[in-house]
Amino acid sequence: MKVWLKSALAAAALLTASAGSASAATVVGACSPADISPDAVACSGWYQGNLLNAANIQAQKDGLALIGFTWDGVWSVVDATKINPVNGVYDFAALLNGDTWIGVHKGKGGQGGFEGTAFFRLTADNLDTFTLDLKGGSSAVLYFTGGGAVPEPSTWALLIAGFGLAGAALRRQRTTTAAAIA
């Protein structure tokens, strides 16, 4: 059921993006979730050129929508996360947790001989760094990380026990107050 729903949403997003966007980016190479390590859950691109800038907001929104993220288009927030790889390793200032969407640009000198931008969705668990498994990595931006985390069963147990104890204390206080009034 989930696969069917994801496929339907991706098809709808693709139709919407291709039907109504004058800024549709040209795909110059097929991306793969395995283009980054650890592997992503989904990707869109490789789109021609460097889309990671304020001049290509709609193209970024379209690419992200294809992998399930609705971005508000506020470039200044995303631009503040822009990083360059050090020895092929990308390291954002914040740890990546939960559902995470990133954009990566690679230059022509890399594998495939094209310059392009791809967008990746990954599920992270205190992820500190990632690598682009293609040569020519140039820059990356972070659109969103966090959310989607489900509390551990022990956390739920503590929460329920806490509510139970608070309720018992209130009930006992009400009984004691009623006896003192009588």
N, C-alpha and C. Protein backbone atom coordinates (compact mmCIF):
# COMPACT_ATOMS: atom_id res chain seq x y z
N MET A 1 0.82 -1.19 0.00
CA MET A 1 0.00 0.00 0.00
C MET A 1 0.87 1.26 0.00
N LYS A 2 1.93 1.27 0.85
CA LYS A 2 2.80 2.45 0.92
C LYS A 2 3.51 2.68 -0.41
N VAL A 3 3.97 1.61 -1.05
CA VAL A 3 4.68 1.74 -2.31
C VAL A 3 3.74 2.31 -3.36
N TRP A 4 2.49 1.83 -3.39
CA TRP A 4 1.51 2.32 -4.34
C TRP A 4 1.26 3.80 -4.12
N LEU A 5 1.08 4.21 -2.86
CA LEU A 5 0.82 5.61 -2.54
C LEU A 5 2.00 6.50 -2.92
N LYS A 6 3.23 6.05 -2.61
CA LYS A 6 4.41 6.83 -2.98
C LYS A 6 4.53 6.96 -4.49
N SER A 7 4.23 5.88 -5.21
CA SER A 7 4.30 5.92 -6.67
C SER A 7 3.27 6.88 -7.23
N ALA A 8 2.06 6.86 -6.68
CA ALA A 8 1.01 7.77 -7.15
C ALA A 8 1.37 9.21 -6.87
N LEU A 9 1.91 9.48 -5.68
CA LEU A 9 2.32 10.85 -5.35
C LEU A 9 3.46 11.32 -6.24
N ALA A 10 4.42 10.47 -6.50
CA ALA A 10 5.54 10.84 -7.37
C ALA A 10 5.05 11.12 -8.79
N ALA A 11 4.12 10.30 -9.29
CA ALA A 11 3.58 10.52 -10.63
C ALA A 11 2.81 11.83 -10.70
N ALA A 12 2.00 12.11 -9.66
CA ALA A 12 1.25 13.37 -9.63
C ALA A 12 2.19 14.56 -9.58
N ALA A 13 3.24 14.46 -8.77
CA ALA A 13 4.21 15.56 -8.68
C ALA A 13 4.93 15.76 -10.01
N LEU A 14 5.26 14.66 -10.68
CA LEU A 14 5.94 14.75 -11.96
C LEU A 14 5.05 15.42 -13.01
N LEU A 15 3.77 15.02 -13.03
CA LEU A 15 2.84 15.63 -13.98
C LEU A 15 2.64 17.10 -13.69
N THR A 16 2.51 17.44 -12.40
CA THR A 16 2.33 18.84 -12.00
C THR A 16 3.56 19.65 -12.37
N ALA A 17 4.74 19.12 -12.08
CA ALA A 17 5.98 19.86 -12.36
C ALA A 17 6.18 20.05 -13.85
N SER A 18 5.87 19.04 -14.64
CA SER A 18 6.10 19.17 -16.08
C SER A 18 5.03 19.99 -16.75
N ALA A 19 3.82 20.04 -16.18
CA ALA A 19 2.74 20.78 -16.82
C ALA A 19 2.78 22.26 -16.53
N GLY A 20 3.22 22.65 -15.32
CA GLY A 20 3.04 24.04 -14.96
C GLY A 20 4.28 24.84 -14.69
N SER A 21 5.45 24.33 -14.95
CA SER A 21 6.64 25.06 -14.56
C SER A 21 7.43 25.52 -15.78
N ALA A 22 7.58 26.83 -15.86
CA ALA A 22 8.36 27.38 -16.96
C ALA A 22 9.84 27.21 -16.70
N SER A 23 10.21 26.94 -15.44
CA SER A 23 11.62 26.84 -15.08
C SER A 23 12.07 25.39 -14.97
N ALA A 24 11.35 24.47 -15.64
CA ALA A 24 11.71 23.06 -15.54
C ALA A 24 13.17 22.86 -15.94
N ALA A 25 13.89 22.21 -15.06
CA ALA A 25 15.31 21.96 -15.30
C ALA A 25 15.48 20.75 -16.21
N THR A 26 16.55 20.73 -16.96
CA THR A 26 16.86 19.64 -17.88
C THR A 26 17.66 18.57 -17.15
N VAL A 27 17.19 17.34 -17.24
CA VAL A 27 17.91 16.22 -16.63
C VAL A 27 19.03 15.81 -17.58
N VAL A 28 20.27 15.80 -17.05
CA VAL A 28 21.43 15.43 -17.87
C VAL A 28 22.00 14.06 -17.49
N GLY A 29 21.50 13.49 -16.43
CA GLY A 29 21.95 12.18 -15.99
C GLY A 29 21.01 11.65 -14.93
N ALA A 30 20.82 10.35 -14.90
CA ALA A 30 19.94 9.75 -13.91
C ALA A 30 20.66 9.63 -12.57
N CYS A 31 20.00 10.11 -11.52
CA CYS A 31 20.59 9.95 -10.19
C CYS A 31 20.21 8.58 -9.63
N SER A 32 20.91 8.20 -8.60
CA SER A 32 20.64 6.95 -7.89
C SER A 32 20.78 7.23 -6.40
N PRO A 33 19.92 6.63 -5.57
CA PRO A 33 20.10 6.79 -4.13
C PRO A 33 21.49 6.38 -3.66
N ALA A 34 22.16 5.52 -4.42
CA ALA A 34 23.51 5.07 -4.07
C ALA A 34 24.59 6.06 -4.49
N ASP A 35 24.20 7.21 -5.07
CA ASP A 35 25.18 8.23 -5.44
C ASP A 35 25.82 8.87 -4.21
N ILE A 36 25.18 8.74 -3.04
CA ILE A 36 25.77 9.25 -1.81
C ILE A 36 25.88 8.10 -0.81
N SER A 37 26.80 8.24 0.12
CA SER A 37 26.97 7.25 1.19
C SER A 37 26.83 7.97 2.53
N PRO A 38 25.98 7.52 3.40
CA PRO A 38 25.12 6.35 3.25
C PRO A 38 24.06 6.59 2.18
N ASP A 39 23.52 5.48 1.65
CA ASP A 39 22.54 5.55 0.57
C ASP A 39 21.33 6.37 0.97
N ALA A 40 20.79 7.09 0.00
CA ALA A 40 19.56 7.86 0.20
C ALA A 40 18.35 6.94 0.03
N VAL A 41 17.20 7.44 0.40
CA VAL A 41 15.94 6.72 0.20
C VAL A 41 15.41 7.01 -1.21
N ALA A 42 15.61 8.25 -1.68
CA ALA A 42 15.13 8.67 -3.00
C ALA A 42 16.00 9.81 -3.51
N CYS A 43 15.93 10.04 -4.82
CA CYS A 43 16.66 11.17 -5.41
C CYS A 43 15.92 11.68 -6.63
N SER A 44 16.23 12.91 -7.02
CA SER A 44 15.75 13.47 -8.29
C SER A 44 16.90 14.25 -8.91
N GLY A 45 17.04 14.15 -10.21
CA GLY A 45 18.14 14.81 -10.91
C GLY A 45 18.96 13.75 -11.61
N TRP A 46 20.02 14.04 -12.04
CA TRP A 46 20.94 15.15 -12.08
C TRP A 46 20.43 16.18 -13.11
N TYR A 47 20.18 17.39 -12.59
CA TYR A 47 19.70 18.48 -13.43
C TYR A 47 20.89 19.29 -13.92
N GLN A 48 20.79 19.81 -15.13
CA GLN A 48 21.88 20.56 -15.75
C GLN A 48 22.23 21.80 -14.95
N GLY A 49 23.53 21.98 -14.70
CA GLY A 49 24.04 23.19 -14.05
C GLY A 49 23.94 23.16 -12.54
N ASN A 50 24.32 24.30 -11.96
CA ASN A 50 24.27 24.46 -10.51
C ASN A 50 22.97 25.16 -10.15
N LEU A 51 22.03 24.41 -9.58
CA LEU A 51 20.73 24.97 -9.19
C LEU A 51 20.72 25.47 -7.76
N LEU A 52 21.82 25.29 -7.04
CA LEU A 52 21.86 25.65 -5.62
C LEU A 52 22.16 27.13 -5.44
N ASN A 53 21.21 27.96 -5.87
CA ASN A 53 21.36 29.41 -5.74
C ASN A 53 19.99 30.07 -5.80
N ALA A 54 19.95 31.37 -5.50
CA ALA A 54 18.69 32.11 -5.43
C ALA A 54 18.02 32.27 -6.78
N ALA A 55 18.75 32.12 -7.88
CA ALA A 55 18.18 32.29 -9.21
C ALA A 55 17.38 31.07 -9.67
N ASN A 56 17.47 29.96 -8.95
CA ASN A 56 16.82 28.72 -9.38
C ASN A 56 15.87 28.16 -8.32
N ILE A 57 15.15 29.02 -7.65
CA ILE A 57 14.24 28.60 -6.57
C ILE A 57 13.19 27.60 -7.10
N GLN A 58 12.51 27.93 -8.19
CA GLN A 58 11.45 27.06 -8.68
C GLN A 58 11.98 25.70 -9.10
N ALA A 59 13.14 25.66 -9.73
CA ALA A 59 13.73 24.38 -10.13
C ALA A 59 14.05 23.53 -8.90
N GLN A 60 14.51 24.18 -7.83
CA GLN A 60 14.78 23.45 -6.58
C GLN A 60 13.48 22.92 -5.99
N LYS A 61 12.45 23.76 -5.96
CA LYS A 61 11.15 23.34 -5.43
C LYS A 61 10.60 22.15 -6.21
N ASP A 62 10.72 22.20 -7.53
CA ASP A 62 10.24 21.10 -8.38
C ASP A 62 11.00 19.81 -8.11
N GLY A 63 12.32 19.90 -8.03
CA GLY A 63 13.14 18.72 -7.77
C GLY A 63 12.87 18.10 -6.41
N LEU A 64 12.68 18.95 -5.41
CA LEU A 64 12.39 18.46 -4.06
C LEU A 64 10.99 17.85 -3.97
N ALA A 65 10.04 18.43 -4.68
CA ALA A 65 8.67 17.90 -4.67
C ALA A 65 8.62 16.47 -5.21
N LEU A 66 9.48 16.17 -6.16
CA LEU A 66 9.51 14.82 -6.72
C LEU A 66 9.94 13.76 -5.71
N ILE A 67 10.61 14.19 -4.65
CA ILE A 67 11.03 13.22 -3.62
C ILE A 67 10.31 13.49 -2.29
N GLY A 68 9.18 14.18 -2.37
CA GLY A 68 8.30 14.27 -1.20
C GLY A 68 8.49 15.44 -0.27
N PHE A 69 9.14 16.51 -0.72
CA PHE A 69 9.35 17.65 0.18
C PHE A 69 8.80 18.92 -0.46
N THR A 70 7.98 19.63 0.30
CA THR A 70 7.45 20.92 -0.14
C THR A 70 8.28 22.00 0.54
N TRP A 71 9.12 22.65 -0.23
CA TRP A 71 10.01 23.68 0.30
C TRP A 71 9.36 25.03 0.14
N ASP A 72 9.53 25.92 1.14
CA ASP A 72 8.92 27.25 1.11
C ASP A 72 9.66 28.23 0.19
N GLY A 73 10.84 27.88 -0.29
CA GLY A 73 11.56 28.72 -1.23
C GLY A 73 12.37 29.84 -0.60
N VAL A 74 12.55 29.82 0.73
CA VAL A 74 13.33 30.86 1.39
C VAL A 74 14.81 30.49 1.25
N TRP A 75 15.47 31.09 0.27
CA TRP A 75 16.84 30.73 -0.05
C TRP A 75 17.82 31.12 1.04
N SER A 76 17.62 32.24 1.71
CA SER A 76 18.60 32.71 2.70
C SER A 76 18.82 31.68 3.81
N VAL A 77 17.78 30.97 4.20
CA VAL A 77 17.91 29.94 5.25
C VAL A 77 18.73 28.77 4.73
N VAL A 78 18.46 28.34 3.51
CA VAL A 78 19.17 27.20 2.93
C VAL A 78 20.62 27.59 2.59
N ASP A 79 20.80 28.80 2.06
CA ASP A 79 22.14 29.26 1.68
C ASP A 79 23.09 29.26 2.88
N ALA A 80 22.55 29.51 4.06
CA ALA A 80 23.37 29.53 5.28
C ALA A 80 23.93 28.15 5.61
N THR A 81 23.35 27.09 5.02
CA THR A 81 23.82 25.72 5.29
C THR A 81 24.82 25.24 4.24
N LYS A 82 25.07 26.03 3.20
CA LYS A 82 25.89 25.59 2.06
C LYS A 82 27.31 25.23 2.52
N ILE A 83 27.75 24.06 2.08
CA ILE A 83 29.09 23.58 2.44
C ILE A 83 29.78 23.04 1.20
N ASN A 84 31.09 22.95 1.27
CA ASN A 84 31.91 22.32 0.24
C ASN A 84 32.56 21.09 0.85
N PRO A 85 32.81 20.07 0.05
CA PRO A 85 33.43 18.87 0.61
C PRO A 85 34.89 19.09 0.97
N VAL A 86 35.33 18.38 1.98
CA VAL A 86 36.75 18.36 2.35
C VAL A 86 37.21 16.93 2.14
N ASN A 87 38.10 16.74 1.18
CA ASN A 87 38.57 15.40 0.80
C ASN A 87 37.40 14.47 0.46
N GLY A 88 36.39 15.02 -0.21
CA GLY A 88 35.24 14.24 -0.64
C GLY A 88 34.16 14.03 0.40
N VAL A 89 34.34 14.58 1.60
CA VAL A 89 33.39 14.37 2.69
C VAL A 89 32.63 15.67 2.96
N TYR A 90 31.31 15.57 3.00
CA TYR A 90 30.44 16.70 3.34
C TYR A 90 30.08 16.61 4.82
N ASP A 91 30.20 17.72 5.52
CA ASP A 91 29.94 17.74 6.96
C ASP A 91 29.16 19.00 7.31
N PHE A 92 27.83 18.87 7.44
CA PHE A 92 27.01 20.00 7.85
C PHE A 92 27.27 20.32 9.32
N ALA A 93 26.99 21.56 9.72
CA ALA A 93 27.21 21.98 11.11
C ALA A 93 26.32 21.20 12.08
N ALA A 94 25.12 20.85 11.64
CA ALA A 94 24.17 20.14 12.50
C ALA A 94 24.18 18.65 12.17
N LEU A 95 23.89 17.83 13.17
CA LEU A 95 23.70 16.40 12.93
C LEU A 95 22.41 16.22 12.14
N LEU A 96 22.40 15.26 11.25
CA LEU A 96 21.21 14.97 10.46
C LEU A 96 20.43 13.86 11.15
N ASN A 97 19.13 14.10 11.36
CA ASN A 97 18.27 13.15 12.04
C ASN A 97 16.91 13.07 11.37
N GLY A 98 16.35 11.87 11.31
CA GLY A 98 15.02 11.69 10.74
C GLY A 98 15.03 11.93 9.24
N ASP A 99 13.85 12.30 8.73
CA ASP A 99 13.74 12.59 7.30
C ASP A 99 14.57 13.83 6.98
N THR A 100 15.43 13.71 6.00
CA THR A 100 16.38 14.77 5.65
C THR A 100 16.42 14.94 4.14
N TRP A 101 16.40 16.20 3.68
CA TRP A 101 16.48 16.51 2.25
C TRP A 101 17.68 17.41 2.02
N ILE A 102 18.54 17.02 1.06
CA ILE A 102 19.73 17.79 0.73
C ILE A 102 19.82 17.97 -0.79
N GLY A 103 20.55 18.98 -1.20
CA GLY A 103 20.86 19.19 -2.60
C GLY A 103 22.37 19.12 -2.77
N VAL A 104 22.83 18.51 -3.86
CA VAL A 104 24.27 18.35 -4.11
C VAL A 104 24.57 18.80 -5.53
N HIS A 105 25.63 19.58 -5.69
CA HIS A 105 26.09 20.00 -7.02
C HIS A 105 27.43 19.33 -7.29
N LYS A 106 27.62 18.86 -8.53
CA LYS A 106 28.90 18.30 -8.95
C LYS A 106 29.33 18.97 -10.24
N GLY A 107 30.62 19.10 -10.40
CA GLY A 107 31.18 19.74 -11.59
C GLY A 107 31.39 18.78 -12.74
N LYS A 108 31.76 19.32 -13.90
CA LYS A 108 31.96 18.52 -15.12
C LYS A 108 33.10 17.54 -15.00
N GLY A 109 34.06 17.84 -14.14
CA GLY A 109 35.21 16.96 -14.01
C GLY A 109 34.87 15.64 -13.36
N GLY A 110 33.68 15.50 -12.86
CA GLY A 110 33.30 14.28 -12.17
C GLY A 110 32.84 13.19 -13.11
N GLN A 111 32.43 12.11 -12.52
CA GLN A 111 31.96 10.93 -13.25
C GLN A 111 30.81 11.31 -14.17
N GLY A 112 30.81 10.84 -15.38
CA GLY A 112 29.75 11.13 -16.34
C GLY A 112 30.05 12.35 -17.20
N GLY A 113 30.99 13.18 -16.79
CA GLY A 113 31.38 14.32 -17.57
C GLY A 113 30.36 15.43 -17.69
N PHE A 114 29.42 15.53 -16.77
CA PHE A 114 28.43 16.60 -16.81
C PHE A 114 28.43 17.37 -15.49
N GLU A 115 28.02 18.63 -15.59
CA GLU A 115 27.81 19.43 -14.39
C GLU A 115 26.34 19.30 -14.04
N GLY A 116 26.03 19.04 -12.78
CA GLY A 116 24.63 18.87 -12.44
C GLY A 116 24.34 18.99 -10.96
N THR A 117 23.04 19.05 -10.68
CA THR A 117 22.53 19.15 -9.32
C THR A 117 21.52 18.04 -9.11
N ALA A 118 21.60 17.38 -7.97
CA ALA A 118 20.62 16.35 -7.61
C ALA A 118 20.12 16.62 -6.20
N PHE A 119 18.93 16.14 -5.93
CA PHE A 119 18.32 16.28 -4.61
C PHE A 119 18.11 14.89 -4.03
N PHE A 120 18.43 14.75 -2.75
CA PHE A 120 18.36 13.45 -2.10
C PHE A 120 17.52 13.52 -0.83
N ARG A 121 16.75 12.46 -0.63
CA ARG A 121 16.02 12.29 0.63
C ARG A 121 16.65 11.10 1.34
N LEU A 122 17.03 11.30 2.60
CA LEU A 122 17.57 10.19 3.36
C LEU A 122 16.96 10.14 4.75
N THR A 123 17.04 8.99 5.35
CA THR A 123 16.60 8.82 6.73
C THR A 123 17.87 8.71 7.56
N ALA A 124 18.08 9.71 8.39
CA ALA A 124 19.34 9.81 9.13
C ALA A 124 19.13 9.53 10.61
N ASP A 125 20.17 9.02 11.23
CA ASP A 125 20.17 8.77 12.68
C ASP A 125 21.49 9.28 13.22
N ASN A 126 21.50 10.55 13.65
CA ASN A 126 22.72 11.21 14.13
C ASN A 126 23.84 11.12 13.10
N LEU A 127 23.48 11.37 11.84
CA LEU A 127 24.45 11.31 10.76
C LEU A 127 25.33 12.56 10.80
N ASP A 128 26.62 12.34 10.85
CA ASP A 128 27.56 13.45 10.95
C ASP A 128 28.07 13.88 9.58
N THR A 129 28.36 12.93 8.71
CA THR A 129 28.93 13.24 7.40
C THR A 129 28.33 12.33 6.34
N PHE A 130 28.48 12.74 5.08
CA PHE A 130 28.14 11.88 3.96
C PHE A 130 29.13 12.15 2.84
N THR A 131 29.21 11.23 1.89
CA THR A 131 30.10 11.41 0.75
C THR A 131 29.30 11.26 -0.54
N LEU A 132 29.76 11.95 -1.56
CA LEU A 132 29.22 11.79 -2.90
C LEU A 132 30.07 10.72 -3.57
N ASP A 133 29.43 9.65 -4.03
CA ASP A 133 30.18 8.54 -4.60
C ASP A 133 30.49 8.74 -6.09
N LEU A 134 30.43 9.98 -6.54
CA LEU A 134 30.83 10.36 -7.89
C LEU A 134 31.91 11.41 -7.74
N LYS A 135 32.86 11.46 -8.64
CA LYS A 135 33.91 12.48 -8.55
C LYS A 135 33.34 13.84 -8.96
N GLY A 136 33.98 14.89 -8.50
CA GLY A 136 33.59 16.23 -8.91
C GLY A 136 32.65 16.95 -7.99
N GLY A 137 32.47 16.44 -6.76
CA GLY A 137 31.57 17.09 -5.81
C GLY A 137 31.97 18.54 -5.58
N SER A 138 30.99 19.43 -5.60
CA SER A 138 31.27 20.86 -5.50
C SER A 138 30.69 21.47 -4.22
N SER A 139 29.37 21.39 -4.05
CA SER A 139 28.75 21.98 -2.86
C SER A 139 27.48 21.22 -2.52
N ALA A 140 26.99 21.46 -1.31
CA ALA A 140 25.75 20.83 -0.87
C ALA A 140 25.01 21.80 0.04
N VAL A 141 23.69 21.68 0.06
CA VAL A 141 22.86 22.47 0.97
C VAL A 141 21.89 21.54 1.69
N LEU A 142 21.47 21.98 2.84
CA LEU A 142 20.53 21.23 3.67
C LEU A 142 19.19 21.96 3.66
N TYR A 143 18.15 21.29 3.18
CA TYR A 143 16.81 21.89 3.14
C TYR A 143 16.04 21.62 4.43
N PHE A 144 16.17 20.40 4.95
CA PHE A 144 15.43 20.05 6.17
C PHE A 144 16.01 18.79 6.77
N THR A 145 16.08 18.76 8.08
CA THR A 145 16.41 17.53 8.81
C THR A 145 15.59 17.52 10.08
N GLY A 146 15.20 16.34 10.51
CA GLY A 146 14.43 16.21 11.74
C GLY A 146 13.03 15.71 11.46
N GLY A 147 12.32 15.46 12.54
CA GLY A 147 10.96 14.97 12.39
C GLY A 147 10.96 13.51 12.01
N GLY A 148 9.78 12.95 12.05
CA GLY A 148 9.63 11.57 11.65
C GLY A 148 10.11 10.56 12.68
N ALA A 149 10.69 11.03 13.78
CA ALA A 149 11.19 10.11 14.79
C ALA A 149 10.04 9.59 15.64
N VAL A 150 10.07 8.31 15.93
CA VAL A 150 9.05 7.70 16.78
C VAL A 150 9.70 7.39 18.11
N PRO A 151 9.08 7.83 19.23
CA PRO A 151 9.69 7.57 20.54
C PRO A 151 9.85 6.08 20.82
N GLU A 152 10.87 5.75 21.58
CA GLU A 152 11.12 4.38 22.00
C GLU A 152 9.96 3.90 22.89
N PRO A 153 9.69 2.60 22.94
CA PRO A 153 8.63 2.08 23.82
C PRO A 153 8.85 2.46 25.28
N SER A 154 10.11 2.50 25.72
CA SER A 154 10.37 2.86 27.12
C SER A 154 9.98 4.33 27.39
N THR A 155 10.12 5.18 26.38
CA THR A 155 9.71 6.58 26.53
C THR A 155 8.20 6.66 26.70
N TRP A 156 7.47 5.89 25.87
CA TRP A 156 6.02 5.87 26.01
C TRP A 156 5.62 5.34 27.38
N ALA A 157 6.29 4.30 27.87
CA ALA A 157 5.97 3.74 29.19
C ALA A 157 6.17 4.77 30.29
N LEU A 158 7.29 5.51 30.23
CA LEU A 158 7.53 6.54 31.24
C LEU A 158 6.48 7.65 31.16
N LEU A 159 6.10 8.03 29.97
CA LEU A 159 5.08 9.07 29.80
C LEU A 159 3.75 8.63 30.39
N ILE A 160 3.33 7.42 30.10
CA ILE A 160 2.05 6.90 30.62
C ILE A 160 2.12 6.75 32.14
N ALA A 161 3.24 6.25 32.65
CA ALA A 161 3.38 6.11 34.10
C ALA A 161 3.34 7.48 34.78
N GLY A 162 3.98 8.47 34.18
CA GLY A 162 3.96 9.82 34.75
C GLY A 162 2.56 10.40 34.81
N PHE A 163 1.79 10.24 33.75
CA PHE A 163 0.41 10.71 33.76
C PHE A 163 -0.41 9.96 34.81
N GLY A 164 -0.17 8.66 34.92
CA GLY A 164 -0.88 7.86 35.92
C GLY A 164 -0.58 8.33 37.34
N LEU A 165 0.69 8.58 37.64
CA LEU A 165 1.07 9.05 38.98
C LEU A 165 0.51 10.45 39.26
N ALA A 166 0.54 11.32 38.26
CA ALA A 166 -0.02 12.67 38.45
C ALA A 166 -1.52 12.58 38.71
N GLY A 167 -2.21 11.73 37.97
CA GLY A 167 -3.65 11.55 38.19
C GLY A 167 -3.95 10.99 39.57
N ALA A 168 -3.15 10.02 40.01
CA ALA A 168 -3.36 9.43 41.34
C ALA A 168 -3.12 10.47 42.44
N ALA A 169 -2.09 11.30 42.25
CA ALA A 169 -1.81 12.34 43.24
C ALA A 169 -2.95 13.35 43.31
N LEU A 170 -3.48 13.75 42.18
CA LEU A 170 -4.61 14.69 42.17
C LEU A 170 -5.84 14.08 42.81
N ARG A 171 -6.09 12.81 42.53
CA ARG A 171 -7.25 12.13 43.12
C ARG A 171 -7.11 12.03 44.63
N ARG A 172 -5.90 11.72 45.09
CA ARG A 172 -5.66 11.60 46.53
C ARG A 172 -5.82 12.96 47.20
N GLN A 173 -5.32 14.01 46.56
CA GLN A 173 -5.43 15.36 47.12
C GLN A 173 -6.89 15.77 47.22
N ARG A 174 -7.70 15.44 46.21
CA ARG A 174 -9.12 15.78 46.22
C ARG A 174 -9.84 15.05 47.35
N THR A 175 -9.51 13.77 47.60
CA THR A 175 -10.11 12.99 48.67
C THR A 175 -9.74 13.57 50.03
N THR A 176 -8.47 13.96 50.21
CA THR A 176 -7.99 14.53 51.46
C THR A 176 -8.68 15.88 51.73
N THR A 177 -8.83 16.70 50.69
CA THR A 177 -9.48 18.01 50.84
C THR A 177 -10.94 17.85 51.21
N ALA A 178 -11.64 16.90 50.59
CA ALA A 178 -13.05 16.66 50.87
C ALA A 178 -13.24 16.19 52.31
N ALA A 179 -12.33 15.35 52.83
CA ALA A 179 -12.44 14.86 54.21
C ALA A 179 -12.19 16.00 55.19
N ALA A 180 -11.27 16.92 54.86
CA ALA A 180 -10.97 18.03 55.77
C ALA A 180 -12.13 19.01 55.85
N ILE A 181 -12.88 19.17 54.77
CA ILE A 181 -14.02 20.09 54.77
C ILE A 181 -15.16 19.51 55.58
N ALA A 182 -15.38 18.21 55.54
CA ALA A 182 -16.49 17.56 56.24
C ALA A 182 -16.19 17.52 57.70
